[in-house]
């Protein structure tokens, strides 16, 4: 009998015969190779991040919301899930998890109209 371990970012079918591995869905990254369920094999990318590709093996594949945007949610599937800072604010860091975390008010004598 020849057994292959399912790579991280994929999980195996639990019905015999085991004929293929299944990609983790977009918004999720792999955690542990050799797992048989999506719950064990795939975890949501964290807040402030998104992932728009299936079958990604690592949390490092999750992409940060760009500076000036943030996201409180996990498992985001694209950058449209990242919300923009309000007018009068500017982005202070990428991968922000809240408005307070990623948006800074413009100083006296300055403004921002970008949303």
Protein backbone atom coordinates (compact mmCIF):
# COMPACT_ATOMS: atom_id res chain seq x y z
CA UNK A 1 0.00 0.00 0.00
CA UNK A 2 1.37 3.40 -1.01
CA UNK A 3 0.10 6.38 0.96
CA UNK A 4 0.66 10.05 0.19
CA UNK A 5 0.31 12.79 2.76
CA UNK A 6 -2.06 15.59 1.71
CA UNK A 7 -0.06 18.85 1.48
CA UNK A 8 -0.95 21.93 3.55
CA UNK A 9 -3.55 24.03 1.76
CA UNK A 10 -5.44 20.91 0.69
CA UNK A 11 -7.49 18.27 2.46
CA UNK A 12 -8.46 14.72 1.49
CA UNK A 13 -11.80 13.19 0.80
CA UNK A 14 -13.10 11.05 3.64
CA UNK A 15 -14.91 8.53 1.45
CA UNK A 16 -12.99 5.65 -0.09
CA UNK A 17 -11.42 5.48 -2.55
CA UNK A 18 -9.33 8.56 -1.74
CA UNK A 19 -8.79 9.79 -5.26
CA UNK A 20 -7.91 13.43 -4.80
CA UNK A 21 -7.13 16.29 -2.48
CA UNK A 22 -9.35 19.37 -2.31
CA UNK A 23 -8.08 22.96 -2.27
CA UNK A 24 -8.73 25.15 0.74
CA UNK A 25 -11.23 27.80 -0.35
CA UNK A 26 -10.32 31.40 -1.09
CA UNK A 27 -10.06 33.38 2.14
CA UNK A 28 -8.46 30.36 3.88
CA UNK A 29 -4.90 29.08 4.18
CA UNK A 30 -3.52 25.64 4.94
CA UNK A 31 -2.39 24.66 8.42
CA UNK A 32 -1.34 21.02 8.58
CA UNK A 33 -0.52 18.48 5.89
CA UNK A 34 -2.24 15.09 5.93
CA UNK A 35 -5.67 16.18 7.13
CA UNK A 36 -9.00 14.76 6.06
CA UNK A 37 -11.37 17.66 6.77
CA UNK A 38 -11.60 21.28 5.76
CA UNK A 39 -12.05 22.28 9.41
CA UNK A 40 -8.66 20.79 10.33
CA UNK A 41 -6.78 21.70 7.15
CA UNK A 42 -7.95 25.23 6.38
CA UNK A 43 -8.12 28.33 8.58
CA UNK A 44 -9.42 31.82 7.78
CA UNK A 45 -6.91 34.54 7.07
CA UNK A 46 -6.94 36.96 9.98
CA UNK A 47 -8.48 40.41 10.28
CA UNK A 48 -6.72 43.03 8.15
CA UNK A 49 -5.95 40.42 5.49
CA UNK A 50 -7.51 38.67 2.50
CA UNK A 51 -6.70 35.76 0.20
CA UNK A 52 -8.02 35.56 -3.36
CA UNK A 53 -6.53 32.20 -4.40
CA UNK A 54 -7.50 28.60 -3.57
CA UNK A 55 -5.17 25.96 -2.16
CA UNK A 56 -2.70 28.26 -0.41
CA UNK A 57 -0.46 26.36 1.98
CA UNK A 58 0.52 29.01 4.49
CA UNK A 59 -0.66 32.00 6.50
CA UNK A 60 2.13 33.90 4.72
CA UNK A 61 0.01 33.74 1.55
CA UNK A 62 -2.63 35.98 3.16
CA UNK A 63 -2.32 39.53 1.81
CA UNK A 64 -2.53 42.68 3.93
CA UNK A 65 -5.18 45.31 3.34
CA UNK A 66 -3.20 48.24 1.93
CA UNK A 67 -2.36 51.30 3.99
CA UNK A 68 -5.48 53.45 4.24
CA UNK A 69 -7.77 50.41 4.49
CA UNK A 70 -8.65 47.97 7.27
CA UNK A 71 -10.83 44.93 7.95
CA UNK A 72 -12.26 43.62 11.21
CA UNK A 73 -13.48 40.39 9.57
CA UNK A 74 -11.56 37.16 8.99
CA UNK A 75 -11.68 34.95 5.88
CA UNK A 76 -11.87 37.87 3.44
CA UNK A 77 -11.73 36.77 -0.20
CA UNK A 78 -10.55 39.98 -1.88
CA UNK A 79 -9.37 43.53 -1.23
CA UNK A 80 -12.93 44.85 -1.60
CA UNK A 81 -13.47 43.52 1.94
CA UNK A 82 -11.00 46.13 3.20
CA UNK A 83 -12.75 49.34 4.26
CA UNK A 84 -11.24 52.77 3.59
CA UNK A 85 -10.31 55.41 6.15
CA UNK A 86 -12.77 58.31 6.41
CA UNK A 87 -12.17 61.71 4.84
CA UNK A 88 -9.96 63.71 7.19
CA UNK A 89 -7.89 60.58 7.93
CA UNK A 90 -4.96 58.86 6.24
CA UNK A 91 -3.65 55.32 6.30
CA UNK A 92 -0.92 54.73 8.83
CA UNK A 93 -0.17 51.02 8.19
CA UNK A 94 -0.98 48.00 6.03
CA UNK A 95 -2.87 45.05 7.52
CA UNK A 96 -4.89 47.18 9.94
CA UNK A 97 -7.67 45.41 11.84
CA UNK A 98 -9.77 48.47 12.72
CA UNK A 99 -10.20 52.14 11.90
CA UNK A 100 -8.40 53.02 15.14
CA UNK A 101 -5.55 50.65 14.26
CA UNK A 102 -4.99 51.83 10.70
CA UNK A 103 -6.34 55.35 10.25
CA UNK A 104 -4.88 58.53 11.70
CA UNK A 105 -6.56 61.92 11.74
CA UNK A 106 -4.95 64.62 9.65
CA UNK A 107 -3.12 67.24 11.69
CA UNK A 108 -4.31 70.85 12.01
CA UNK A 109 -3.80 72.66 8.72
CA UNK A 110 -3.99 69.46 6.61
CA UNK A 111 -6.82 67.48 5.07
CA UNK A 112 -7.60 64.33 3.12
CA UNK A 113 -10.51 63.77 0.76
CA UNK A 114 -9.58 60.19 -0.17
CA UNK A 115 -12.06 57.54 0.87
